[in-house]
Amino acid sequence: MRIRYALPVAILLGLGIASLAIASTRDHGKSKSNQTQFTAFLDGQDETPAVHTKGTGKLTVTINADNTMAYTLTYSGLNNPALAAHVHFGQPDVAGGIVFFLCGAPKPACPPGTTTTATVTGTVAAADILAPAGQGLAAGDLAGTVQEIRAGLMYANIHTSSSPGGEIRGQLSSQGDQGDEDND
């Protein structure tokens, strides 16, 4: 009778070990510690809640060796002129606190981005890092910010007067994922 149960138990144990190995590989694949360039594709579908807009955008963030980050943000088709653009600390489909601005006070004003393509470039230093309330990231913690970007837990969005919570949004990723396909 013991032999009759040994095979099913062995199969279940094997499946359990294989599942853990797959989950471990998937989790570690999101945290690429040597990556220096991250991209987010912004649209209204990824906002929380979703926004009906023709607006789209792309943010590229490069982590520099001198403890700064360089960025280029392009966007167009917004329903109203951009008021501010920033990067937040939060996983897909969850609103998180602002970590640093891309344009809009305290950075230079955002170009409108309604009928033409707007481009914003800049640099982020430790002094630009804010402390989102209750999220454990301290003001000035550039290393912590980089850690969370590499973990896939930072997103960019652009705010307009018709969508003060954000009109378009996209998660930063080292693979340049569009949408949340690999973030489920």
N, C-alpha and C. Protein backbone atom coordinates (compact mmCIF):
# COMPACT_ATOMS: atom_id res chain seq x y z
N MET A 1 0.81 -1.19 0.00
CA MET A 1 0.00 0.00 0.00
C MET A 1 0.86 1.26 0.00
N ARG A 2 2.03 1.19 0.64
CA ARG A 2 2.92 2.35 0.67
C ARG A 2 3.43 2.70 -0.73
N ILE A 3 3.68 1.72 -1.56
CA ILE A 3 4.16 1.96 -2.91
C ILE A 3 3.09 2.67 -3.73
N ARG A 4 1.83 2.35 -3.52
CA ARG A 4 0.73 2.96 -4.26
C ARG A 4 0.69 4.48 -4.03
N TYR A 5 1.06 4.95 -2.86
CA TYR A 5 1.04 6.38 -2.55
C TYR A 5 2.38 7.07 -2.84
N ALA A 6 3.43 6.31 -2.98
CA ALA A 6 4.76 6.89 -3.18
C ALA A 6 4.86 7.64 -4.51
N LEU A 7 4.32 7.10 -5.59
CA LEU A 7 4.41 7.74 -6.90
C LEU A 7 3.65 9.07 -6.92
N PRO A 8 2.38 9.12 -6.48
CA PRO A 8 1.69 10.42 -6.49
C PRO A 8 2.38 11.46 -5.60
N VAL A 9 2.91 11.04 -4.45
CA VAL A 9 3.61 11.98 -3.56
C VAL A 9 4.87 12.50 -4.25
N ALA A 10 5.60 11.63 -4.92
CA ALA A 10 6.82 12.04 -5.62
C ALA A 10 6.48 13.02 -6.74
N ILE A 11 5.41 12.78 -7.45
CA ILE A 11 4.99 13.68 -8.54
C ILE A 11 4.62 15.05 -7.97
N LEU A 12 3.84 15.07 -6.90
CA LEU A 12 3.46 16.34 -6.28
C LEU A 12 4.67 17.11 -5.78
N LEU A 13 5.60 16.44 -5.14
CA LEU A 13 6.82 17.09 -4.67
C LEU A 13 7.62 17.66 -5.84
N GLY A 14 7.73 16.90 -6.90
CA GLY A 14 8.45 17.38 -8.09
C GLY A 14 7.80 18.61 -8.69
N LEU A 15 6.46 18.60 -8.80
CA LEU A 15 5.75 19.76 -9.33
C LEU A 15 5.92 20.97 -8.42
N GLY A 16 5.90 20.76 -7.12
CA GLY A 16 6.08 21.86 -6.17
C GLY A 16 7.45 22.49 -6.30
N ILE A 17 8.48 21.67 -6.42
CA ILE A 17 9.84 22.18 -6.57
C ILE A 17 9.99 22.92 -7.90
N ALA A 18 9.41 22.39 -8.97
CA ALA A 18 9.48 23.05 -10.27
C ALA A 18 8.76 24.40 -10.23
N SER A 19 7.62 24.48 -9.54
CA SER A 19 6.89 25.74 -9.42
C SER A 19 7.70 26.78 -8.68
N LEU A 20 8.36 26.38 -7.60
CA LEU A 20 9.20 27.31 -6.85
C LEU A 20 10.36 27.81 -7.70
N ALA A 21 10.95 26.95 -8.49
CA ALA A 21 12.07 27.35 -9.34
C ALA A 21 11.62 28.35 -10.39
N ILE A 22 10.46 28.13 -10.99
CA ILE A 22 9.92 29.05 -11.99
C ILE A 22 9.60 30.39 -11.34
N ALA A 23 8.95 30.39 -10.19
CA ALA A 23 8.61 31.64 -9.50
C ALA A 23 9.86 32.40 -9.11
N SER A 24 10.87 31.71 -8.64
CA SER A 24 12.11 32.36 -8.25
C SER A 24 12.78 33.01 -9.45
N THR A 25 12.82 32.33 -10.58
CA THR A 25 13.42 32.87 -11.79
C THR A 25 12.65 34.09 -12.25
N ARG A 26 11.34 34.04 -12.20
CA ARG A 26 10.52 35.17 -12.65
C ARG A 26 10.74 36.38 -11.76
N ASP A 27 10.74 36.21 -10.44
CA ASP A 27 10.95 37.33 -9.53
C ASP A 27 12.33 37.94 -9.70
N HIS A 28 13.35 37.10 -9.81
CA HIS A 28 14.70 37.63 -9.96
C HIS A 28 14.91 38.27 -11.31
N GLY A 29 14.16 37.87 -12.31
CA GLY A 29 14.28 38.48 -13.63
C GLY A 29 13.84 39.92 -13.65
N LYS A 30 12.99 40.33 -12.70
CA LYS A 30 12.52 41.70 -12.66
C LYS A 30 13.53 42.65 -12.04
N SER A 31 14.45 42.16 -11.28
CA SER A 31 15.42 43.00 -10.59
C SER A 31 16.79 42.83 -11.23
N LYS A 32 17.02 43.51 -12.31
CA LYS A 32 18.27 43.39 -13.03
C LYS A 32 19.21 44.46 -12.51
N SER A 33 20.06 44.08 -11.54
CA SER A 33 20.89 45.05 -10.84
C SER A 33 21.92 45.74 -11.72
N ASN A 34 22.27 45.16 -12.86
CA ASN A 34 23.27 45.78 -13.70
C ASN A 34 22.68 46.64 -14.81
N GLN A 35 21.38 46.70 -14.93
CA GLN A 35 20.75 47.50 -15.97
C GLN A 35 20.90 48.98 -15.65
N THR A 36 21.12 49.78 -16.69
CA THR A 36 21.24 51.22 -16.49
C THR A 36 20.21 52.02 -17.27
N GLN A 37 19.48 51.38 -18.18
CA GLN A 37 18.48 52.12 -18.96
C GLN A 37 17.11 51.48 -18.79
N PHE A 38 16.13 52.34 -18.54
CA PHE A 38 14.75 51.90 -18.29
C PHE A 38 13.80 52.73 -19.12
N THR A 39 12.72 52.10 -19.58
CA THR A 39 11.77 52.76 -20.47
C THR A 39 10.36 52.53 -19.97
N ALA A 40 9.53 53.55 -20.14
CA ALA A 40 8.09 53.43 -19.86
C ALA A 40 7.34 53.95 -21.07
N PHE A 41 6.32 53.22 -21.50
CA PHE A 41 5.42 53.66 -22.56
C PHE A 41 4.13 54.09 -21.88
N LEU A 42 3.75 55.34 -22.05
CA LEU A 42 2.62 55.92 -21.32
C LEU A 42 1.37 55.97 -22.20
N ASP A 43 0.24 55.57 -21.62
CA ASP A 43 -1.06 55.73 -22.28
C ASP A 43 -2.15 55.82 -21.22
N GLY A 44 -3.35 56.15 -21.65
CA GLY A 44 -4.47 56.32 -20.72
C GLY A 44 -4.97 55.02 -20.11
N GLN A 45 -4.79 53.90 -20.80
CA GLN A 45 -5.25 52.60 -20.28
C GLN A 45 -4.53 52.21 -18.99
N ASP A 46 -3.28 52.65 -18.84
CA ASP A 46 -2.51 52.27 -17.66
C ASP A 46 -2.70 53.20 -16.48
N GLU A 47 -3.48 54.28 -16.67
CA GLU A 47 -3.79 55.17 -15.54
C GLU A 47 -4.71 54.45 -14.58
N THR A 48 -4.75 54.94 -13.33
CA THR A 48 -5.60 54.36 -12.30
C THR A 48 -6.53 55.43 -11.76
N PRO A 49 -7.79 55.48 -12.14
CA PRO A 49 -8.46 54.62 -13.13
C PRO A 49 -8.08 55.01 -14.56
N ALA A 50 -8.44 54.16 -15.51
CA ALA A 50 -8.12 54.39 -16.92
C ALA A 50 -8.73 55.70 -17.40
N VAL A 51 -8.06 56.31 -18.38
CA VAL A 51 -8.50 57.60 -18.94
C VAL A 51 -8.66 57.43 -20.45
N HIS A 52 -9.77 57.96 -20.99
CA HIS A 52 -9.99 57.98 -22.43
C HIS A 52 -9.20 59.15 -23.02
N THR A 53 -8.17 58.82 -23.80
CA THR A 53 -7.30 59.85 -24.38
C THR A 53 -6.58 59.28 -25.59
N LYS A 54 -6.19 60.17 -26.48
CA LYS A 54 -5.32 59.78 -27.59
C LYS A 54 -3.86 60.02 -27.21
N GLY A 55 -3.64 60.50 -26.01
CA GLY A 55 -2.30 60.81 -25.54
C GLY A 55 -1.43 59.57 -25.40
N THR A 56 -0.18 59.72 -25.80
CA THR A 56 0.82 58.67 -25.63
C THR A 56 2.14 59.34 -25.24
N GLY A 57 3.02 58.56 -24.67
CA GLY A 57 4.32 59.10 -24.31
C GLY A 57 5.33 58.01 -24.10
N LYS A 58 6.58 58.42 -23.99
CA LYS A 58 7.68 57.49 -23.73
C LYS A 58 8.69 58.20 -22.83
N LEU A 59 9.07 57.52 -21.76
CA LEU A 59 10.09 58.02 -20.86
C LEU A 59 11.27 57.05 -20.89
N THR A 60 12.47 57.58 -21.05
CA THR A 60 13.69 56.80 -20.94
C THR A 60 14.51 57.39 -19.81
N VAL A 61 14.90 56.54 -18.86
CA VAL A 61 15.72 56.95 -17.73
C VAL A 61 17.03 56.17 -17.80
N THR A 62 18.14 56.89 -17.70
CA THR A 62 19.46 56.26 -17.70
C THR A 62 20.14 56.55 -16.37
N ILE A 63 20.58 55.50 -15.71
CA ILE A 63 21.29 55.63 -14.44
C ILE A 63 22.76 55.86 -14.76
N ASN A 64 23.29 56.99 -14.32
CA ASN A 64 24.67 57.37 -14.61
C ASN A 64 25.61 56.94 -13.49
N ALA A 65 26.87 56.80 -13.83
CA ALA A 65 27.90 56.40 -12.86
C ALA A 65 28.17 57.49 -11.82
N ASP A 66 27.78 58.74 -12.10
CA ASP A 66 28.06 59.85 -11.18
C ASP A 66 26.93 60.09 -10.16
N ASN A 67 26.13 59.06 -9.89
CA ASN A 67 25.02 59.15 -8.93
C ASN A 67 23.95 60.15 -9.34
N THR A 68 23.67 60.18 -10.63
CA THR A 68 22.55 60.95 -11.17
C THR A 68 21.79 60.06 -12.15
N MET A 69 20.65 60.52 -12.58
CA MET A 69 19.88 59.85 -13.63
C MET A 69 19.56 60.90 -14.69
N ALA A 70 19.70 60.53 -15.95
CA ALA A 70 19.30 61.40 -17.06
C ALA A 70 17.99 60.86 -17.61
N TYR A 71 17.14 61.75 -18.10
CA TYR A 71 15.87 61.29 -18.66
C TYR A 71 15.48 62.09 -19.89
N THR A 72 14.71 61.41 -20.75
CA THR A 72 14.06 62.04 -21.90
C THR A 72 12.62 61.58 -21.89
N LEU A 73 11.71 62.54 -21.89
CA LEU A 73 10.27 62.27 -21.93
C LEU A 73 9.71 62.91 -23.19
N THR A 74 9.01 62.11 -24.00
CA THR A 74 8.29 62.65 -25.16
C THR A 74 6.83 62.25 -25.03
N TYR A 75 5.95 63.13 -25.47
CA TYR A 75 4.52 62.83 -25.40
C TYR A 75 3.76 63.70 -26.39
N SER A 76 2.54 63.27 -26.72
CA SER A 76 1.69 64.02 -27.64
C SER A 76 0.25 63.54 -27.50
N GLY A 77 -0.67 64.29 -28.10
CA GLY A 77 -2.07 63.89 -28.16
C GLY A 77 -2.85 64.03 -26.87
N LEU A 78 -2.34 64.79 -25.90
CA LEU A 78 -3.04 64.94 -24.64
C LEU A 78 -4.35 65.70 -24.82
N ASN A 79 -5.33 65.43 -23.97
CA ASN A 79 -6.62 66.13 -24.03
C ASN A 79 -6.50 67.61 -23.68
N ASN A 80 -5.59 67.94 -22.78
CA ASN A 80 -5.31 69.31 -22.35
C ASN A 80 -3.80 69.44 -22.16
N PRO A 81 -3.29 70.68 -22.10
CA PRO A 81 -1.85 70.85 -21.89
C PRO A 81 -1.36 70.17 -20.60
N ALA A 82 -0.15 69.66 -20.66
CA ALA A 82 0.47 69.01 -19.50
C ALA A 82 0.73 70.05 -18.42
N LEU A 83 0.37 69.71 -17.19
CA LEU A 83 0.65 70.57 -16.04
C LEU A 83 1.91 70.12 -15.31
N ALA A 84 2.08 68.80 -15.18
CA ALA A 84 3.24 68.23 -14.49
C ALA A 84 3.43 66.80 -14.95
N ALA A 85 4.68 66.36 -14.88
CA ALA A 85 5.01 64.96 -15.15
C ALA A 85 6.00 64.54 -14.09
N HIS A 86 5.79 63.37 -13.53
CA HIS A 86 6.70 62.88 -12.51
C HIS A 86 6.71 61.36 -12.46
N VAL A 87 7.63 60.86 -11.64
CA VAL A 87 7.78 59.42 -11.42
C VAL A 87 7.29 59.11 -10.02
N HIS A 88 6.46 58.08 -9.92
CA HIS A 88 5.85 57.64 -8.66
C HIS A 88 6.40 56.28 -8.25
N PHE A 89 6.28 55.96 -6.96
CA PHE A 89 6.67 54.67 -6.40
C PHE A 89 5.40 53.83 -6.27
N GLY A 90 5.23 52.85 -7.16
CA GLY A 90 4.05 51.99 -7.10
C GLY A 90 4.08 50.93 -8.18
N GLN A 91 3.50 49.81 -7.87
CA GLN A 91 3.39 48.72 -8.82
C GLN A 91 2.27 49.02 -9.82
N PRO A 92 2.17 48.24 -10.91
CA PRO A 92 1.12 48.46 -11.90
C PRO A 92 -0.27 48.46 -11.24
N ASP A 93 -1.13 49.32 -11.71
CA ASP A 93 -2.53 49.42 -11.28
C ASP A 93 -2.71 49.93 -9.85
N VAL A 94 -1.66 50.48 -9.25
CA VAL A 94 -1.74 51.02 -7.89
C VAL A 94 -1.16 52.43 -7.92
N ALA A 95 -1.87 53.37 -7.31
CA ALA A 95 -1.37 54.74 -7.21
C ALA A 95 -0.34 54.83 -6.10
N GLY A 96 0.81 55.44 -6.38
CA GLY A 96 1.87 55.61 -5.40
C GLY A 96 2.26 57.07 -5.29
N GLY A 97 3.10 57.36 -4.33
CA GLY A 97 3.54 58.73 -4.09
C GLY A 97 4.58 59.20 -5.09
N ILE A 98 4.67 60.53 -5.26
CA ILE A 98 5.63 61.14 -6.17
C ILE A 98 7.04 61.01 -5.59
N VAL A 99 7.98 60.58 -6.45
CA VAL A 99 9.38 60.45 -6.04
C VAL A 99 10.23 61.55 -6.66
N PHE A 100 10.03 61.84 -7.95
CA PHE A 100 10.73 62.98 -8.54
C PHE A 100 9.96 63.53 -9.73
N PHE A 101 10.15 64.83 -9.99
CA PHE A 101 9.49 65.53 -11.08
C PHE A 101 10.32 65.45 -12.35
N LEU A 102 9.62 65.40 -13.48
CA LEU A 102 10.25 65.47 -14.79
C LEU A 102 10.06 66.85 -15.39
N CYS A 103 8.87 67.43 -15.20
CA CYS A 103 8.59 68.82 -15.59
C CYS A 103 7.43 69.32 -14.76
N GLY A 104 7.30 70.63 -14.67
CA GLY A 104 6.33 71.24 -13.77
C GLY A 104 7.03 71.50 -12.44
N ALA A 105 6.59 72.54 -11.75
CA ALA A 105 7.28 72.98 -10.52
C ALA A 105 7.62 71.80 -9.63
N PRO A 106 8.85 71.68 -9.19
CA PRO A 106 9.97 72.62 -9.19
C PRO A 106 10.85 72.57 -10.44
N LYS A 107 10.60 71.69 -11.37
CA LYS A 107 11.34 71.65 -12.64
C LYS A 107 10.72 72.68 -13.59
N PRO A 108 11.35 72.93 -14.74
CA PRO A 108 10.75 73.85 -15.72
C PRO A 108 9.35 73.38 -16.15
N ALA A 109 8.55 74.32 -16.63
CA ALA A 109 7.18 74.01 -17.06
C ALA A 109 7.17 72.96 -18.16
N CYS A 110 6.10 72.18 -18.20
CA CYS A 110 5.93 71.14 -19.22
C CYS A 110 5.45 71.79 -20.51
N PRO A 111 5.97 71.37 -21.67
CA PRO A 111 5.38 71.81 -22.95
C PRO A 111 3.96 71.24 -23.06
N PRO A 112 3.07 71.89 -23.82
CA PRO A 112 1.66 71.46 -23.86
C PRO A 112 1.44 70.00 -24.26
N GLY A 113 2.00 69.55 -25.39
CA GLY A 113 1.83 68.16 -25.82
C GLY A 113 0.43 67.80 -26.27
N THR A 114 -0.30 68.78 -26.76
CA THR A 114 -1.67 68.49 -27.24
C THR A 114 -1.68 68.25 -28.75
N THR A 115 -1.21 69.21 -29.53
CA THR A 115 -1.26 69.05 -30.98
C THR A 115 0.09 68.71 -31.59
N THR A 116 1.17 68.92 -30.85
CA THR A 116 2.50 68.57 -31.35
C THR A 116 3.19 67.69 -30.31
N THR A 117 4.27 67.06 -30.74
CA THR A 117 5.04 66.23 -29.82
C THR A 117 5.90 67.12 -28.94
N ALA A 118 5.84 66.87 -27.66
CA ALA A 118 6.64 67.62 -26.69
C ALA A 118 7.78 66.74 -26.21
N THR A 119 8.92 67.35 -25.94
CA THR A 119 10.08 66.63 -25.42
C THR A 119 10.64 67.38 -24.23
N VAL A 120 10.94 66.62 -23.18
CA VAL A 120 11.52 67.16 -21.96
C VAL A 120 12.75 66.32 -21.64
N THR A 121 13.86 66.98 -21.36
CA THR A 121 15.06 66.27 -20.95
C THR A 121 15.55 66.88 -19.64
N GLY A 122 16.29 66.09 -18.88
CA GLY A 122 16.81 66.62 -17.63
C GLY A 122 17.63 65.60 -16.89
N THR A 123 18.03 66.00 -15.69
CA THR A 123 18.84 65.17 -14.81
C THR A 123 18.20 65.14 -13.43
N VAL A 124 18.28 64.00 -12.79
CA VAL A 124 17.79 63.83 -11.42
C VAL A 124 18.99 63.53 -10.53
N ALA A 125 19.12 64.30 -9.45
CA ALA A 125 20.16 64.08 -8.45
C ALA A 125 19.48 63.75 -7.13
N ALA A 126 20.25 63.40 -6.14
CA ALA A 126 19.70 63.05 -4.82
C ALA A 126 18.80 64.17 -4.28
N ALA A 127 19.17 65.41 -4.51
CA ALA A 127 18.39 66.55 -4.00
C ALA A 127 16.98 66.61 -4.60
N ASP A 128 16.76 65.94 -5.75
CA ASP A 128 15.45 65.94 -6.41
C ASP A 128 14.51 64.87 -5.87
N ILE A 129 15.02 63.93 -5.09
CA ILE A 129 14.21 62.80 -4.61
C ILE A 129 13.35 63.21 -3.43
N LEU A 130 12.04 62.98 -3.57
CA LEU A 130 11.07 63.30 -2.53
C LEU A 130 10.79 62.04 -1.69
N ALA A 131 10.16 62.23 -0.55
CA ALA A 131 9.79 61.11 0.32
C ALA A 131 8.28 60.87 0.21
N PRO A 132 7.85 59.88 -0.58
CA PRO A 132 6.41 59.61 -0.65
C PRO A 132 5.90 59.11 0.70
N ALA A 133 4.86 59.73 1.20
CA ALA A 133 4.35 59.44 2.54
C ALA A 133 4.02 57.96 2.73
N GLY A 134 4.54 57.40 3.82
CA GLY A 134 4.21 56.04 4.21
C GLY A 134 4.78 54.94 3.35
N GLN A 135 5.73 55.25 2.45
CA GLN A 135 6.26 54.22 1.56
C GLN A 135 7.71 53.85 1.87
N GLY A 136 8.29 54.44 2.91
CA GLY A 136 9.62 54.04 3.37
C GLY A 136 10.79 54.57 2.59
N LEU A 137 10.55 55.36 1.55
CA LEU A 137 11.63 55.93 0.76
C LEU A 137 11.89 57.34 1.30
N ALA A 138 13.12 57.61 1.69
CA ALA A 138 13.47 58.90 2.29
C ALA A 138 13.80 59.94 1.23
N ALA A 139 13.58 61.19 1.55
CA ALA A 139 13.98 62.29 0.68
C ALA A 139 15.49 62.20 0.47
N GLY A 140 15.93 62.39 -0.77
CA GLY A 140 17.34 62.34 -1.09
C GLY A 140 17.90 60.94 -1.32
N ASP A 141 17.08 59.89 -1.17
CA ASP A 141 17.57 58.51 -1.29
C ASP A 141 17.59 58.07 -2.75
N LEU A 142 18.61 58.53 -3.46
CA LEU A 142 18.75 58.16 -4.87
C LEU A 142 19.02 56.67 -5.02
N ALA A 143 19.84 56.09 -4.14
CA ALA A 143 20.14 54.65 -4.21
C ALA A 143 18.87 53.82 -4.03
N GLY A 144 18.01 54.20 -3.09
CA GLY A 144 16.74 53.50 -2.89
C GLY A 144 15.83 53.64 -4.09
N THR A 145 15.83 54.83 -4.69
CA THR A 145 15.03 55.08 -5.89
C THR A 145 15.49 54.19 -7.03
N VAL A 146 16.80 54.10 -7.24
CA VAL A 146 17.35 53.24 -8.29
C VAL A 146 16.99 51.78 -8.02
N GLN A 147 17.07 51.37 -6.77
CA GLN A 147 16.70 50.00 -6.39
C GLN A 147 15.26 49.70 -6.78
N GLU A 148 14.34 50.62 -6.51
CA GLU A 148 12.93 50.40 -6.83
C GLU A 148 12.67 50.49 -8.33
N ILE A 149 13.41 51.32 -9.05
CA ILE A 149 13.29 51.34 -10.52
C ILE A 149 13.70 49.98 -11.06
N ARG A 150 14.82 49.47 -10.58
CA ARG A 150 15.31 48.16 -11.06
C ARG A 150 14.36 47.03 -10.69
N ALA A 151 13.60 47.19 -9.63
CA ALA A 151 12.62 46.17 -9.22
C ALA A 151 11.31 46.30 -9.99
N GLY A 152 11.18 47.32 -10.84
CA GLY A 152 9.94 47.50 -11.62
C GLY A 152 8.83 48.17 -10.84
N LEU A 153 9.18 48.93 -9.80
CA LEU A 153 8.17 49.52 -8.93
C LEU A 153 8.08 51.04 -9.04
N MET A 154 8.43 51.58 -10.19
CA MET A 154 8.29 53.02 -10.43
C MET A 154 7.54 53.22 -11.75
N TYR A 155 6.66 54.20 -11.76
CA TYR A 155 5.93 54.52 -12.98
C TYR A 155 5.94 56.03 -13.20
N ALA A 156 5.76 56.42 -14.45
CA ALA A 156 5.68 57.83 -14.81
C ALA A 156 4.26 58.15 -15.22
N ASN A 157 3.84 59.38 -14.94
CA ASN A 157 2.58 59.84 -15.50
C ASN A 157 2.60 61.33 -15.73
N ILE A 158 1.68 61.75 -16.57
CA ILE A 158 1.55 63.16 -16.95
C ILE A 158 0.15 63.61 -16.55
N HIS A 159 0.09 64.74 -15.85
CA HIS A 159 -1.16 65.29 -15.33
C HIS A 159 -1.60 66.47 -16.19
N THR A 160 -2.91 66.56 -16.42
CA THR A 160 -3.51 67.67 -17.16
C THR A 160 -4.68 68.21 -16.35
N SER A 161 -5.23 69.36 -16.77
CA SER A 161 -6.36 69.94 -16.02
C SER A 161 -7.60 69.05 -16.10
N SER A 162 -7.79 68.34 -17.21
CA SER A 162 -8.96 67.46 -17.32
C SER A 162 -8.73 66.12 -16.61
N SER A 163 -7.48 65.78 -16.34
CA SER A 163 -7.14 64.54 -15.63
C SER A 163 -6.08 64.87 -14.57
N PRO A 164 -6.51 65.52 -13.48
CA PRO A 164 -5.53 65.94 -12.47
C PRO A 164 -4.83 64.76 -11.78
N GLY A 165 -5.43 63.58 -11.78
CA GLY A 165 -4.79 62.40 -11.22
C GLY A 165 -3.82 61.75 -12.18
N GLY A 166 -3.81 62.20 -13.42
CA GLY A 166 -2.93 61.67 -14.45
C GLY A 166 -3.72 61.30 -15.69
N GLU A 167 -3.23 61.73 -16.86
CA GLU A 167 -3.90 61.38 -18.13
C GLU A 167 -3.26 60.17 -18.79
N ILE A 168 -1.93 60.08 -18.73
CA ILE A 168 -1.25 58.91 -19.29
C ILE A 168 -0.20 58.42 -18.28
N ARG A 169 0.03 57.11 -18.31
CA ARG A 169 0.91 56.49 -17.32
C ARG A 169 1.61 55.29 -17.94
N GLY A 170 2.81 54.98 -17.43
CA GLY A 170 3.54 53.79 -17.88
C GLY A 170 4.55 53.36 -16.84
N GLN A 171 4.71 52.06 -16.67
CA GLN A 171 5.63 51.48 -15.70
C GLN A 171 7.04 51.44 -16.28
N LEU A 172 8.04 51.86 -15.53
CA LEU A 172 9.43 51.78 -15.98
C LEU A 172 9.89 50.33 -15.96
N SER A 173 10.59 49.93 -17.02
CA SER A 173 11.04 48.55 -17.16
C SER A 173 12.36 48.51 -17.92
N SER A 174 13.21 47.58 -17.56
CA SER A 174 14.47 47.41 -18.28
C SER A 174 14.26 46.76 -19.64
N GLN A 175 13.14 46.07 -19.82
CA GLN A 175 12.84 45.44 -21.10
C GLN A 175 12.03 46.34 -22.01
N GLY A 176 11.61 47.51 -21.52
CA GLY A 176 10.80 48.39 -22.34
C GLY A 176 9.43 47.81 -22.60
N ASP A 177 8.87 47.10 -21.59
CA ASP A 177 7.54 46.49 -21.75
C ASP A 177 6.50 47.54 -22.08
N GLN A 178 5.61 47.20 -22.97
CA GLN A 178 4.47 48.06 -23.23
C GLN A 178 3.32 47.50 -22.42
N GLY A 179 2.70 48.33 -21.62
CA GLY A 179 1.59 47.87 -20.78
C GLY A 179 2.10 47.00 -19.66
N ASP A 180 1.22 46.15 -19.15
CA ASP A 180 1.52 45.36 -17.97
C ASP A 180 1.67 43.88 -18.28
N GLU A 181 1.92 43.50 -19.54
CA GLU A 181 1.94 42.10 -19.91
C GLU A 181 2.86 41.27 -19.03
N ASP A 182 4.05 41.79 -18.71
CA ASP A 182 5.00 41.01 -17.94
C ASP A 182 5.00 41.37 -16.47
N ASN A 183 4.05 42.17 -16.05
CA ASN A 183 4.01 42.61 -14.66
C ASN A 183 2.82 42.05 -13.91
N ASP A 184 2.31 40.91 -14.30
CA ASP A 184 1.13 40.37 -13.64
C ASP A 184 1.43 39.53 -12.49
